[in-house]
């Protein structure tokens, strides 16, 4: 059984937020790419919210 922990999820969320901030600030990415990053951030946020105390991945 593969275990995911909240620390890893939160590090991933932080990295995605940083990527989105850089994209907005530099305006190097087109709007579709910014939308894709936002969608990933939303999905990752849901995973963190659903992750169990024992580190089990969301079903």
N, C-alpha and C. Protein backbone atom coordinates (compact mmCIF):
# COMPACT_ATOMS: atom_id res chain seq x y z
N UNK A 1 0.84 -1.20 0.00
CA UNK A 1 0.00 0.00 0.00
C UNK A 1 0.88 1.26 0.00
N UNK A 2 0.60 2.13 -0.93
CA UNK A 2 1.37 3.37 -1.03
C UNK A 2 0.80 4.41 -0.07
N UNK A 3 1.67 5.06 0.66
CA UNK A 3 1.22 6.09 1.60
C UNK A 3 1.62 7.48 1.10
N UNK A 4 0.69 8.38 1.22
CA UNK A 4 0.93 9.78 0.91
C UNK A 4 0.78 10.55 2.21
N UNK A 5 1.65 11.48 2.48
CA UNK A 5 1.46 12.24 3.70
C UNK A 5 1.13 13.70 3.41
N UNK A 6 0.50 14.34 4.39
CA UNK A 6 0.05 15.71 4.18
C UNK A 6 1.20 16.67 3.92
N UNK A 7 2.37 16.38 4.51
CA UNK A 7 3.53 17.26 4.28
C UNK A 7 3.87 17.29 2.79
N UNK A 8 3.87 16.12 2.14
CA UNK A 8 4.18 16.06 0.70
C UNK A 8 3.13 16.82 -0.10
N UNK A 9 1.85 16.62 0.24
CA UNK A 9 0.79 17.35 -0.46
C UNK A 9 0.98 18.85 -0.32
N UNK A 10 1.27 19.28 0.93
CA UNK A 10 1.40 20.72 1.17
C UNK A 10 2.61 21.30 0.45
N UNK A 11 3.70 20.54 0.35
CA UNK A 11 4.86 20.99 -0.41
C UNK A 11 4.51 21.13 -1.89
N UNK A 12 3.72 20.19 -2.41
CA UNK A 12 3.28 20.26 -3.80
C UNK A 12 2.39 21.49 -4.03
N UNK A 13 1.48 21.74 -3.08
CA UNK A 13 0.62 22.92 -3.17
C UNK A 13 1.44 24.19 -3.20
N UNK A 14 2.44 24.25 -2.34
CA UNK A 14 3.29 25.44 -2.28
C UNK A 14 4.02 25.65 -3.61
N UNK A 15 4.51 24.57 -4.19
CA UNK A 15 5.22 24.65 -5.47
C UNK A 15 4.28 25.13 -6.58
N UNK A 16 3.04 24.62 -6.58
CA UNK A 16 2.07 25.04 -7.59
C UNK A 16 1.72 26.52 -7.44
N UNK A 17 1.54 26.95 -6.19
CA UNK A 17 1.24 28.38 -5.96
C UNK A 17 2.40 29.25 -6.43
N UNK A 18 3.63 28.80 -6.16
CA UNK A 18 4.80 29.55 -6.61
C UNK A 18 4.83 29.63 -8.14
N UNK A 19 4.53 28.52 -8.78
CA UNK A 19 4.53 28.48 -10.24
C UNK A 19 3.49 29.44 -10.81
N UNK A 20 2.32 29.47 -10.19
CA UNK A 20 1.26 30.37 -10.66
C UNK A 20 1.66 31.83 -10.45
N UNK A 21 2.26 32.12 -9.32
CA UNK A 21 2.70 33.50 -9.03
C UNK A 21 3.75 33.96 -10.04
N UNK A 22 4.70 33.08 -10.33
CA UNK A 22 5.75 33.41 -11.31
C UNK A 22 5.13 33.63 -12.69
N UNK A 23 4.20 32.77 -13.06
CA UNK A 23 3.56 32.88 -14.37
C UNK A 23 2.83 34.22 -14.51
N UNK A 24 2.10 34.59 -13.45
CA UNK A 24 1.37 35.86 -13.49
C UNK A 24 2.32 37.04 -13.53
N UNK A 25 3.36 37.00 -12.67
CA UNK A 25 4.28 38.13 -12.57
C UNK A 25 5.06 38.34 -13.86
N UNK A 26 5.54 37.26 -14.44
CA UNK A 26 6.36 37.36 -15.64
C UNK A 26 5.53 37.47 -16.91
N UNK A 27 4.26 37.06 -16.83
CA UNK A 27 3.36 37.04 -17.99
C UNK A 27 3.99 36.28 -19.17
N UNK A 28 4.69 35.21 -18.86
CA UNK A 28 5.34 34.41 -19.90
C UNK A 28 4.43 33.29 -20.40
N UNK A 29 3.47 32.90 -19.56
CA UNK A 29 2.59 31.80 -19.94
C UNK A 29 1.29 32.34 -20.50
N UNK A 30 0.75 31.64 -21.49
CA UNK A 30 -0.53 32.08 -22.01
C UNK A 30 -1.64 31.73 -21.02
N UNK A 31 -2.81 32.29 -21.24
CA UNK A 31 -3.90 32.13 -20.27
C UNK A 31 -4.31 30.67 -20.09
N UNK A 32 -4.20 29.85 -21.14
CA UNK A 32 -4.56 28.44 -20.98
C UNK A 32 -3.62 27.75 -19.99
N UNK A 33 -2.34 28.05 -20.06
CA UNK A 33 -1.38 27.43 -19.14
C UNK A 33 -1.65 27.88 -17.71
N UNK A 34 -1.98 29.16 -17.52
CA UNK A 34 -2.32 29.64 -16.18
C UNK A 34 -3.56 28.90 -15.66
N UNK A 35 -4.55 28.71 -16.54
CA UNK A 35 -5.76 27.97 -16.17
C UNK A 35 -5.42 26.53 -15.79
N UNK A 36 -4.53 25.90 -16.55
CA UNK A 36 -4.11 24.53 -16.23
C UNK A 36 -3.47 24.46 -14.86
N UNK A 37 -2.61 25.43 -14.53
CA UNK A 37 -1.97 25.45 -13.21
C UNK A 37 -3.02 25.63 -12.12
N UNK A 38 -4.00 26.52 -12.37
CA UNK A 38 -5.07 26.73 -11.39
C UNK A 38 -5.86 25.44 -11.17
N UNK A 39 -6.12 24.71 -12.26
CA UNK A 39 -6.86 23.45 -12.13
C UNK A 39 -6.07 22.43 -11.32
N UNK A 40 -4.78 22.34 -11.55
CA UNK A 40 -3.93 21.44 -10.77
C UNK A 40 -3.92 21.84 -9.30
N UNK A 41 -3.86 23.14 -9.04
CA UNK A 41 -3.87 23.64 -7.66
C UNK A 41 -5.17 23.28 -6.97
N UNK A 42 -6.28 23.42 -7.69
CA UNK A 42 -7.59 23.07 -7.14
C UNK A 42 -7.66 21.59 -6.81
N UNK A 43 -7.19 20.74 -7.73
CA UNK A 43 -7.19 19.30 -7.50
C UNK A 43 -6.31 18.92 -6.32
N UNK A 44 -5.12 19.52 -6.25
CA UNK A 44 -4.21 19.23 -5.15
C UNK A 44 -4.79 19.67 -3.81
N UNK A 45 -5.49 20.81 -3.81
CA UNK A 45 -6.13 21.30 -2.59
C UNK A 45 -7.18 20.30 -2.11
N UNK A 46 -7.96 19.74 -3.05
CA UNK A 46 -8.95 18.72 -2.69
C UNK A 46 -8.28 17.49 -2.10
N UNK A 47 -7.16 17.08 -2.68
CA UNK A 47 -6.44 15.90 -2.18
C UNK A 47 -5.98 16.12 -0.74
N UNK A 48 -5.47 17.32 -0.45
CA UNK A 48 -5.04 17.63 0.91
C UNK A 48 -6.23 17.55 1.85
N UNK A 49 -7.35 18.13 1.43
CA UNK A 49 -8.55 18.15 2.27
C UNK A 49 -9.07 16.74 2.55
N UNK A 50 -8.95 15.85 1.56
CA UNK A 50 -9.48 14.50 1.69
C UNK A 50 -8.51 13.51 2.33
N UNK A 51 -7.22 13.90 2.37
CA UNK A 51 -6.23 12.95 2.88
C UNK A 51 -6.49 12.62 4.34
N UNK A 52 -6.30 11.36 4.64
CA UNK A 52 -6.62 10.86 5.98
C UNK A 52 -5.45 11.08 6.94
N UNK A 53 -5.73 11.01 8.23
CA UNK A 53 -4.70 11.20 9.25
C UNK A 53 -3.58 10.16 9.13
N UNK A 54 -3.94 8.95 8.67
CA UNK A 54 -2.93 7.89 8.56
C UNK A 54 -2.11 8.00 7.27
N UNK A 55 -2.39 9.01 6.47
CA UNK A 55 -1.63 9.23 5.26
C UNK A 55 -2.13 8.44 4.07
N UNK A 56 -3.30 7.82 4.20
CA UNK A 56 -3.86 7.07 3.07
C UNK A 56 -4.25 8.04 1.96
N UNK A 57 -4.03 7.65 0.70
CA UNK A 57 -4.43 8.53 -0.40
C UNK A 57 -5.95 8.62 -0.48
N UNK A 58 -6.49 9.74 -0.98
CA UNK A 58 -7.94 9.84 -1.13
C UNK A 58 -8.45 8.80 -2.13
N UNK A 59 -9.60 8.28 -1.90
CA UNK A 59 -10.16 7.27 -2.81
C UNK A 59 -10.88 7.93 -3.97
